[in-house]
Protein backbone atom coordinates (compact mmCIF):
# COMPACT_ATOMS: atom_id res chain seq x y z
CA MET A 1 17.79 80.04 114.93
CA HIS A 2 19.65 77.59 112.67
CA ASN A 3 18.60 73.98 112.12
CA GLU A 4 21.63 72.67 114.03
CA ASP A 5 20.89 74.88 117.07
CA THR A 6 19.32 73.17 120.04
CA TYR A 7 17.53 75.34 122.57
CA THR A 8 17.62 73.73 125.98
CA GLY A 9 15.51 76.26 127.85
CA ALA A 10 16.35 77.61 131.27
CA SER A 11 17.56 74.34 132.67
CA PHE A 12 18.37 70.72 131.97
CA SER A 13 16.18 67.70 132.66
CA ILE A 14 16.33 65.88 135.98
CA LYS A 15 17.88 62.89 134.18
CA ASN A 16 20.60 65.11 132.68
CA ARG A 17 21.36 66.77 136.01
CA THR A 18 21.38 63.45 137.88
CA THR A 19 23.67 61.82 135.33
CA ARG A 20 26.03 64.81 135.47
CA LEU A 21 26.08 64.55 139.27
CA VAL A 22 27.04 60.87 139.08
CA TRP A 23 29.62 61.67 136.35
CA ASN A 24 31.16 64.41 138.52
CA ILE A 25 31.54 61.99 141.42
CA VAL A 26 33.14 59.36 139.16
CA TYR A 27 35.32 62.07 137.60
CA LEU A 28 36.60 63.26 141.00
CA ILE A 29 37.23 59.79 142.43
CA PHE A 30 38.32 57.70 139.44
CA PHE A 31 39.25 59.99 136.52
CA LYS A 32 40.88 63.23 137.67
CA TYR A 33 43.52 61.63 139.91
CA SER A 34 44.23 58.55 137.80
CA PRO A 35 47.91 58.17 136.80
CA ARG A 36 48.77 59.89 133.51
CA PRO A 37 49.58 56.69 131.55
CA LEU A 38 46.14 55.13 132.25
CA HIS A 39 44.53 56.39 129.03
CA ASN A 40 42.59 53.15 128.51
CA TRP A 41 41.11 53.44 132.01
CA ARG A 42 39.86 56.98 131.35
CA SER A 43 38.51 55.91 127.94
CA PHE A 44 36.65 53.08 129.70
CA LEU A 45 35.09 55.51 132.20
CA LEU A 46 34.04 57.87 129.42
CA ARG A 47 32.45 54.98 127.49
CA LEU A 48 30.50 54.03 130.64
CA PHE A 49 28.88 57.47 130.40
CA GLY A 50 28.06 57.20 126.70
CA ALA A 51 31.13 58.70 125.02
CA LYS A 52 32.19 57.20 121.71
CA ILE A 53 35.94 56.67 122.09
CA GLY A 54 38.27 55.26 119.43
CA LYS A 55 41.55 53.36 119.78
CA GLY A 56 44.83 54.86 120.95
CA VAL A 57 43.12 57.89 122.49
CA HIS A 58 45.10 59.94 125.03
CA ILE A 59 42.77 61.92 127.26
CA TYR A 60 44.76 63.11 130.24
CA PRO A 61 43.45 63.07 133.83
CA LYS A 62 42.96 66.81 134.32
CA VAL A 63 40.72 67.26 131.26
CA LYS A 64 37.34 68.68 132.31
CA ILE A 65 34.37 67.10 130.54
CA TRP A 66 30.86 68.44 131.12
CA ALA A 67 28.85 65.59 129.53
CA PRO A 68 30.73 62.53 128.23
CA TRP A 69 27.64 61.33 126.34
CA ASN A 70 28.12 64.30 123.97
CA LEU A 71 31.68 63.27 123.04
CA GLU A 72 32.75 61.47 119.88
CA VAL A 73 36.51 60.89 119.91
CA HIS A 74 38.09 59.09 116.95
CA ASP A 75 41.31 57.05 116.91
CA GLU A 76 44.64 58.48 118.10
CA VAL A 77 43.27 61.76 119.45
CA GLY A 78 45.13 63.65 122.18
CA VAL A 79 43.51 65.95 124.76
CA ALA A 80 45.98 67.55 127.19
CA ASP A 81 45.67 68.27 130.89
CA GLY A 82 43.64 71.36 131.67
CA ALA A 83 41.61 71.27 128.46
CA ASP A 84 37.91 71.94 129.03
CA LEU A 85 35.44 70.09 126.80
CA TYR A 86 32.27 72.01 127.66
CA SER A 87 30.08 69.46 125.94
CA GLN A 88 26.58 70.76 126.52
CA GLY A 89 26.25 69.92 122.82
CA LYS A 90 28.13 67.43 120.65
CA ILE A 91 31.93 67.64 120.36
CA ILE A 92 33.59 65.56 117.63
CA LEU A 93 37.36 65.08 117.69
CA GLU A 94 38.43 63.36 114.49
CA PHE A 95 41.43 61.11 113.77
CA ARG A 96 44.74 62.40 115.18
CA SER A 97 43.36 65.77 116.20
CA ILE A 98 44.97 67.44 119.21
CA VAL A 99 43.50 69.72 121.87
CA SER A 100 46.32 71.27 123.90
CA GLN A 101 46.46 72.27 127.56
CA ARG A 102 43.94 74.75 128.93
CA SER A 103 42.04 75.03 125.63
CA TYR A 104 38.31 75.64 125.98
CA ILE A 105 35.97 73.89 123.54
CA CYS A 106 32.56 75.46 124.23
CA THR A 107 29.32 74.22 122.63
CA GLY A 108 26.93 76.32 124.73
CA THR A 109 25.87 79.93 124.42
CA HIS A 110 22.87 82.12 125.16
CA ASP A 111 20.48 84.07 122.99
CA PHE A 112 20.89 87.52 124.51
CA THR A 113 18.16 88.96 122.24
CA LEU A 114 15.45 87.07 124.14
CA LYS A 115 14.17 87.57 127.67
CA GLY A 116 15.75 85.07 130.03
CA HIS A 117 18.76 84.64 127.72
CA PRO A 118 17.91 80.99 126.89
CA LEU A 119 20.75 78.55 126.46
CA TYR A 120 21.30 76.86 123.14
CA THR A 121 24.01 74.55 121.88
CA LYS A 122 25.85 74.13 118.61
CA SER A 123 28.11 71.18 117.82
CA ILE A 124 31.86 71.59 117.39
CA LYS A 125 34.07 69.48 115.14
CA ILE A 126 37.86 69.39 115.27
CA SER A 127 38.73 67.63 112.01
CA LYS A 128 41.44 65.04 111.41
CA PHE A 129 45.06 66.18 111.85
CA ALA A 130 43.91 69.55 113.26
CA TRP A 131 45.58 71.08 116.30
CA VAL A 132 44.01 73.45 118.80
CA ALA A 133 47.04 74.94 120.59
CA ALA A 134 47.38 75.94 124.25
CA GLU A 135 44.70 78.12 125.84
CA ALA A 136 42.73 78.57 122.61
CA PHE A 137 38.96 79.08 122.64
CA VAL A 138 36.72 77.35 120.09
CA GLY A 139 33.15 78.64 120.15
CA PRO A 140 29.78 77.03 119.46
CA GLY A 141 29.12 75.76 115.94
CA VAL A 142 32.74 75.94 114.78
CA THR A 143 34.40 73.37 112.54
CA VAL A 144 38.19 73.39 112.59
CA GLY A 145 39.08 72.03 109.17
CA GLU A 146 41.35 69.10 108.35
CA GLY A 147 44.98 69.81 109.25
CA ALA A 148 44.23 73.33 110.48
CA VAL A 149 46.08 74.92 113.41
CA VAL A 150 44.41 77.22 115.92
CA GLY A 151 47.27 79.17 117.49
CA ALA A 152 47.88 79.51 121.21
CA ARG A 153 45.36 81.76 122.93
CA ALA A 154 43.39 82.28 119.71
CA ALA A 155 39.64 82.79 119.92
CA VAL A 156 37.75 81.06 117.09
CA PHE A 157 34.15 82.05 116.39
CA LYS A 158 33.95 81.04 112.70
CA ASN A 159 34.92 77.90 110.82
CA VAL A 160 38.62 77.41 110.12
CA GLU A 161 39.47 76.32 106.59
CA PRO A 162 41.42 73.07 106.07
CA TRP A 163 45.19 73.42 106.46
CA ALA A 164 44.92 77.04 107.60
CA VAL A 165 46.89 78.46 110.52
CA VAL A 166 44.86 81.04 112.47
CA GLY A 167 45.63 83.15 115.51
CA GLY A 168 44.51 86.15 117.51
CA ASN A 169 41.21 87.33 118.97
CA PRO A 170 39.15 87.03 116.92
CA ALA A 171 41.22 84.44 115.05
CA LYS A 172 42.41 85.48 111.62
CA PHE A 173 44.17 83.60 108.83
CA ILE A 174 47.98 83.68 109.18
CA LYS A 175 49.20 81.23 106.57
CA THR A 176 48.66 77.82 105.01
CA ARG A 177 50.04 74.87 106.97
CA GLU A 178 52.56 72.83 105.05
CA ILE A 179 53.82 69.49 106.38
CA LYS A 180 57.51 68.85 105.82
CA ASP A 181 58.94 65.33 105.88
């Protein structure tokens, strides 16, 4: 086990489960069906549940969020409809990062070498100017480096270097990202 790993055991505390129940009710009634332009409203709801949300954030209504209190979203971040932020552990989305539709950002996994397959979590960071393209998977403990691009439907299990473009399953380096003016 690494220092950043957090074993949660077989289940979550009553407080965690109760808060998630209340969040799911609020999500279904007030978040999921809110009009697309109401980004500030959704940011407000997420803050009510402990998320750290910056300015100019665009989190769309059909984004699934497991535990808002484990989200840290910096300024001008975009998270598209259908993205799943499976935030059993901490997810950090830095300045101007983008998570495209139906991407799955997953902080939880299980230790299959132990009886009972206990759950543990590892934080994920999507660094500034990085883009996780449509239907990509980012696994526990991964850092997507500054300006990196995770290609559509890629599966990322290891850190992505800054300004790298990766794709495939498992994701492999394709080229260096260059920004043209």
